[in-house]
Protein backbone atom coordinates (compact mmCIF):
# COMPACT_ATOMS: atom_id res chain seq x y z
CA UNK A 1 0.32 0.06 -0.25
CA UNK A 2 1.72 3.32 -0.73
CA UNK A 3 1.48 5.57 1.95
CA UNK A 4 1.12 9.26 1.65
CA UNK A 5 4.89 9.94 2.24
CA UNK A 6 5.62 7.96 -0.89
CA UNK A 7 3.57 9.55 -2.65
CA UNK A 8 4.94 13.00 -2.08
CA UNK A 9 8.64 11.28 -2.49
CA UNK A 10 7.59 9.67 -5.66
CA UNK A 11 6.08 13.12 -6.97
CA UNK A 12 9.39 15.00 -5.83
CA UNK A 13 11.47 12.69 -7.87
CA UNK A 14 9.54 12.76 -10.98
CA UNK A 15 9.47 16.96 -10.86
CA UNK A 16 11.08 18.82 -13.55
CA UNK A 17 11.96 22.13 -13.33
CA UNK A 18 9.51 24.30 -15.74
CA UNK A 19 11.10 27.63 -16.78
CA UNK A 20 8.84 30.76 -16.93
CA UNK A 21 8.67 34.20 -17.73
CA UNK A 22 10.78 36.51 -20.01
CA UNK A 23 13.65 39.17 -19.15
CA UNK A 24 13.93 42.02 -20.58
CA UNK A 25 16.32 40.97 -23.52
CA UNK A 26 13.97 38.25 -24.75
CA UNK A 27 11.48 40.75 -25.82
CA UNK A 28 11.46 42.62 -29.18
CA UNK A 29 8.72 44.74 -30.61
CA UNK A 30 5.87 42.98 -32.66
CA UNK A 31 6.22 39.56 -30.39
CA UNK A 32 3.00 38.29 -30.04
CA UNK A 33 1.88 36.14 -26.93
CA UNK A 34 -0.40 33.10 -27.10
CA UNK A 35 -1.92 32.67 -23.67
CA UNK A 36 -3.60 29.06 -23.52
CA UNK A 37 -5.39 29.28 -20.33
CA UNK A 38 -8.30 31.91 -21.82
CA UNK A 39 -10.84 33.74 -19.77
CA UNK A 40 -14.75 34.13 -20.91
CA UNK A 41 -15.89 37.26 -19.43
CA UNK A 42 -19.89 37.13 -18.43
CA UNK A 43 -22.35 40.15 -18.52
CA UNK A 44 -21.68 39.91 -14.35
CA UNK A 45 -18.27 40.24 -14.27
CA UNK A 46 -18.40 43.65 -17.11
CA UNK A 47 -21.31 44.98 -14.57
CA UNK A 48 -19.93 44.02 -11.19
CA UNK A 49 -16.59 45.19 -12.49
CA UNK A 50 -17.94 48.67 -13.74
CA UNK A 51 -19.83 49.04 -10.21
CA UNK A 52 -17.16 48.20 -8.38
CA UNK A 53 -14.67 50.56 -9.73
CA UNK A 54 -17.43 53.52 -10.04
CA UNK A 55 -17.17 53.29 -14.19
CA UNK A 56 -20.82 54.09 -13.76
CA UNK A 57 -20.73 54.91 -17.94
CA UNK A 58 -24.22 53.36 -19.07
CA UNK A 59 -22.61 51.34 -21.79
CA UNK A 60 -21.68 48.94 -19.74
CA UNK A 61 -24.50 48.68 -17.56
CA UNK A 62 -27.37 49.30 -19.52
CA UNK A 63 -28.54 47.27 -22.13
CA UNK A 64 -31.31 49.66 -23.93
CA UNK A 65 -28.70 52.44 -23.98
CA UNK A 66 -25.87 50.52 -25.34
CA UNK A 67 -28.31 49.11 -28.01
CA UNK A 68 -29.39 52.87 -28.82
CA UNK A 69 -25.54 53.35 -28.98
CA UNK A 70 -25.13 51.07 -31.69
CA UNK A 71 -24.03 47.92 -29.83
CA UNK A 72 -25.63 44.23 -30.01
CA UNK A 73 -25.44 44.35 -26.07
CA UNK A 74 -23.25 46.18 -23.48
CA UNK A 75 -20.01 46.00 -23.94
CA UNK A 76 -17.61 44.51 -21.79
CA UNK A 77 -15.75 47.52 -19.43
CA UNK A 78 -12.88 47.84 -21.42
CA UNK A 79 -10.66 48.53 -18.54
CA UNK A 80 -11.69 44.98 -17.39
CA UNK A 81 -11.00 43.40 -20.48
CA UNK A 82 -7.28 45.06 -20.23
CA UNK A 83 -7.20 44.11 -16.70
CA UNK A 84 -7.97 40.52 -17.97
CA UNK A 85 -5.08 40.13 -20.77
CA UNK A 86 -3.00 41.72 -18.41
CA UNK A 87 -3.65 39.08 -15.65
CA UNK A 88 -3.34 36.40 -18.35
CA UNK A 89 -0.06 37.86 -19.19
CA UNK A 90 1.94 37.29 -15.87
CA UNK A 91 3.31 34.16 -17.04
CA UNK A 92 5.17 35.35 -19.85
CA UNK A 93 5.79 39.14 -18.82
CA UNK A 94 6.63 38.99 -14.82
CA UNK A 95 6.70 35.67 -13.22
CA UNK A 96 10.69 35.04 -14.81
CA UNK A 97 11.32 38.31 -12.33
CA UNK A 98 11.07 40.44 -14.66
CA UNK A 99 9.54 44.37 -14.10
CA UNK A 100 6.61 45.28 -15.13
CA UNK A 101 7.19 48.91 -16.87
CA UNK A 102 4.25 49.85 -17.71
CA UNK A 103 1.78 50.59 -20.82
CA UNK A 104 2.27 52.40 -23.58
CA UNK A 105 0.07 53.72 -26.54
CA UNK A 106 -3.07 51.01 -25.76
CA UNK A 107 -5.56 50.79 -27.94
CA UNK A 108 -9.32 49.19 -27.96
CA UNK A 109 -9.49 47.88 -31.09
CA UNK A 110 -13.08 46.52 -31.42
CA UNK A 111 -15.94 46.15 -28.21
CA UNK A 112 -15.77 42.60 -26.25
CA UNK A 113 -19.18 41.44 -25.27
CA UNK A 114 -20.25 39.39 -22.50
CA UNK A 115 -19.67 35.72 -23.64
CA UNK A 116 -16.09 36.61 -25.49
CA UNK A 117 -13.17 34.57 -24.31
CA UNK A 118 -9.86 36.68 -23.97
CA UNK A 119 -6.12 34.78 -24.46
């Protein structure tokens, strides 16, 4: 019978280092990262985020207002989109110990809607 200590010893013996993150010198302009996890954003995520951050733009909390302004439904708050994608990038950008130096020229190319998955 395998004991918990035996199992822990076996797992430790099979463990292999998994390098994560990048250093500053690993980056180049135009490099793209594909994030394997992804995150599907819900209506509740966007509305809760908007309310908790006091971002009361009715585009993100009022479907009738959003539809009247050309959206099929309420779009996801763009700051939530940024924070979600930024969170997904931690493994690539900072888990290796490199500093996060900021965001420059951030653009929101198109709206994200509830049910969309970000990678």
